[in-house]
């Protein structure tokens, strides 16, 4: 594991700890099941998708210039990340490790030479 991987792991751990505390203080643990979290995650991905719905393909990158739209996108991305981190926590999945393992698998599957 390199230094960036360790840093990412610390960041995920901080976010997970914050979310655990946030949920515990509100007594929401009983709702924090894999099924509920996947459903919530899916809903948030849908809300993110909705922000791009009906925008012509050639205009999608122009969104970067719309600070209000970017703020909405940031908020939905944060919600997606929040539920993904919670789901990983409930299932005892190390997201950082899973990411790097999947990246290595993708590197083997999609060799650079095949795309030159």
Protein backbone atom coordinates (compact mmCIF):
# COMPACT_ATOMS: atom_id res chain seq x y z
CA UNK A 1 0.00 0.00 0.00
CA UNK A 2 1.44 3.39 -0.94
CA UNK A 3 1.15 6.67 0.97
CA UNK A 4 -1.90 7.81 -1.03
CA UNK A 5 -3.70 4.57 -0.23
CA UNK A 6 -2.98 5.05 3.47
CA UNK A 7 -4.19 8.65 3.33
CA UNK A 8 -7.37 7.58 1.56
CA UNK A 9 -7.97 4.93 4.20
CA UNK A 10 -7.67 7.56 6.95
CA UNK A 11 -10.12 9.82 5.14
CA UNK A 12 -12.66 7.00 4.74
CA UNK A 13 -12.22 6.10 8.41
CA UNK A 14 -12.85 9.71 9.50
CA UNK A 15 -16.00 9.89 7.39
CA UNK A 16 -17.20 6.50 8.68
CA UNK A 17 -16.62 7.56 12.29
CA UNK A 18 -18.48 10.82 11.73
CA UNK A 19 -21.43 8.97 10.15
CA UNK A 20 -21.47 6.36 12.94
CA UNK A 21 -21.67 9.16 15.53
CA UNK A 22 -24.28 11.12 13.54
CA UNK A 23 -26.50 8.04 13.28
CA UNK A 24 -26.01 6.91 16.89
CA UNK A 25 -26.99 10.33 18.25
CA UNK A 26 -30.26 10.11 16.33
CA UNK A 27 -30.88 6.46 17.24
CA UNK A 28 -31.13 5.48 13.56
CA UNK A 29 -29.06 2.27 13.84
CA UNK A 30 -32.16 0.07 13.41
CA UNK A 31 -32.67 1.51 9.92
CA UNK A 32 -29.06 0.96 8.91
CA UNK A 33 -29.42 -2.39 7.15
CA UNK A 34 -27.79 -3.38 3.87
CA UNK A 35 -31.18 -3.38 2.10
CA UNK A 36 -32.12 0.08 3.37
CA UNK A 37 -28.70 1.51 2.62
CA UNK A 38 -28.67 0.12 -0.93
CA UNK A 39 -32.13 1.55 -1.50
CA UNK A 40 -31.06 4.94 -0.14
CA UNK A 41 -27.88 4.80 -2.23
CA UNK A 42 -29.91 4.05 -5.33
CA UNK A 43 -32.24 6.96 -4.58
CA UNK A 44 -29.32 9.34 -4.21
CA UNK A 45 -27.76 8.12 -7.48
CA UNK A 46 -31.16 8.79 -9.05
CA UNK A 47 -31.13 12.34 -7.69
CA UNK A 48 -27.64 12.84 -9.11
CA UNK A 49 -28.76 11.42 -12.45
CA UNK A 50 -31.74 13.76 -12.49
CA UNK A 51 -29.40 16.76 -12.46
CA UNK A 52 -28.06 15.64 -15.86
CA UNK A 53 -31.32 14.40 -17.32
CA UNK A 54 -32.33 16.04 -20.58
CA UNK A 55 -29.12 18.05 -20.88
CA UNK A 56 -27.77 17.66 -24.40
CA UNK A 57 -24.50 15.72 -24.48
CA UNK A 58 -22.55 18.64 -25.93
CA UNK A 59 -23.65 20.86 -23.00
CA UNK A 60 -22.80 18.51 -20.12
CA UNK A 61 -19.29 19.86 -19.57
CA UNK A 62 -20.62 23.42 -19.58
CA UNK A 63 -22.22 22.64 -16.22
CA UNK A 64 -18.81 23.34 -14.65
CA UNK A 65 -19.47 27.04 -15.25
CA UNK A 66 -22.80 26.97 -13.38
CA UNK A 67 -21.87 27.30 -9.71
CA UNK A 68 -25.42 26.67 -8.47
CA UNK A 69 -25.69 23.45 -10.50
CA UNK A 70 -22.23 22.35 -9.34
CA UNK A 71 -23.31 22.88 -5.73
CA UNK A 72 -26.34 20.62 -6.28
CA UNK A 73 -24.10 17.99 -7.90
CA UNK A 74 -21.63 18.20 -4.99
CA UNK A 75 -24.43 17.66 -2.49
CA UNK A 76 -25.82 14.63 -4.31
CA UNK A 77 -22.32 13.16 -4.72
CA UNK A 78 -21.77 13.63 -0.98
CA UNK A 79 -25.04 11.79 -0.28
CA UNK A 80 -23.97 8.94 -2.58
CA UNK A 81 -20.59 8.72 -0.85
CA UNK A 82 -22.21 8.83 2.58
CA UNK A 83 -24.48 5.87 1.86
CA UNK A 84 -21.67 3.94 0.19
CA UNK A 85 -19.45 4.42 3.25
CA UNK A 86 -22.29 3.36 5.54
CA UNK A 87 -23.00 0.26 3.46
CA UNK A 88 -19.32 -0.67 3.51
CA UNK A 89 -19.28 -0.24 7.28
CA UNK A 90 -22.35 -2.39 7.87
CA UNK A 91 -20.88 -5.13 5.65
CA UNK A 92 -17.36 -4.74 7.11
CA UNK A 93 -15.91 -3.90 3.70
CA UNK A 94 -12.73 -1.85 3.53
CA UNK A 95 -13.58 0.50 0.65
CA UNK A 96 -10.01 1.64 0.21
CA UNK A 97 -8.76 -1.93 -0.06
CA UNK A 98 -11.68 -2.92 -2.32
CA UNK A 99 -10.96 0.03 -4.63
CA UNK A 100 -7.28 -0.82 -5.03
CA UNK A 101 -7.95 -4.54 -5.50
CA UNK A 102 -10.56 -3.80 -8.17
CA UNK A 103 -8.21 -1.34 -9.84
CA UNK A 104 -5.54 -4.04 -10.12
CA UNK A 105 -8.11 -6.47 -11.51
CA UNK A 106 -9.19 -3.86 -14.10
CA UNK A 107 -5.57 -3.24 -15.09
CA UNK A 108 -5.17 -6.94 -15.88
CA UNK A 109 -8.50 -7.12 -17.68
CA UNK A 110 -8.04 -3.93 -19.71
CA UNK A 111 -4.39 -3.97 -20.74
CA UNK A 112 -3.05 -0.70 -22.14
CA UNK A 113 -1.71 -2.43 -25.22
CA UNK A 114 -5.26 -3.37 -26.24
CA UNK A 115 -6.35 0.26 -26.42
CA UNK A 116 -3.47 1.78 -28.35
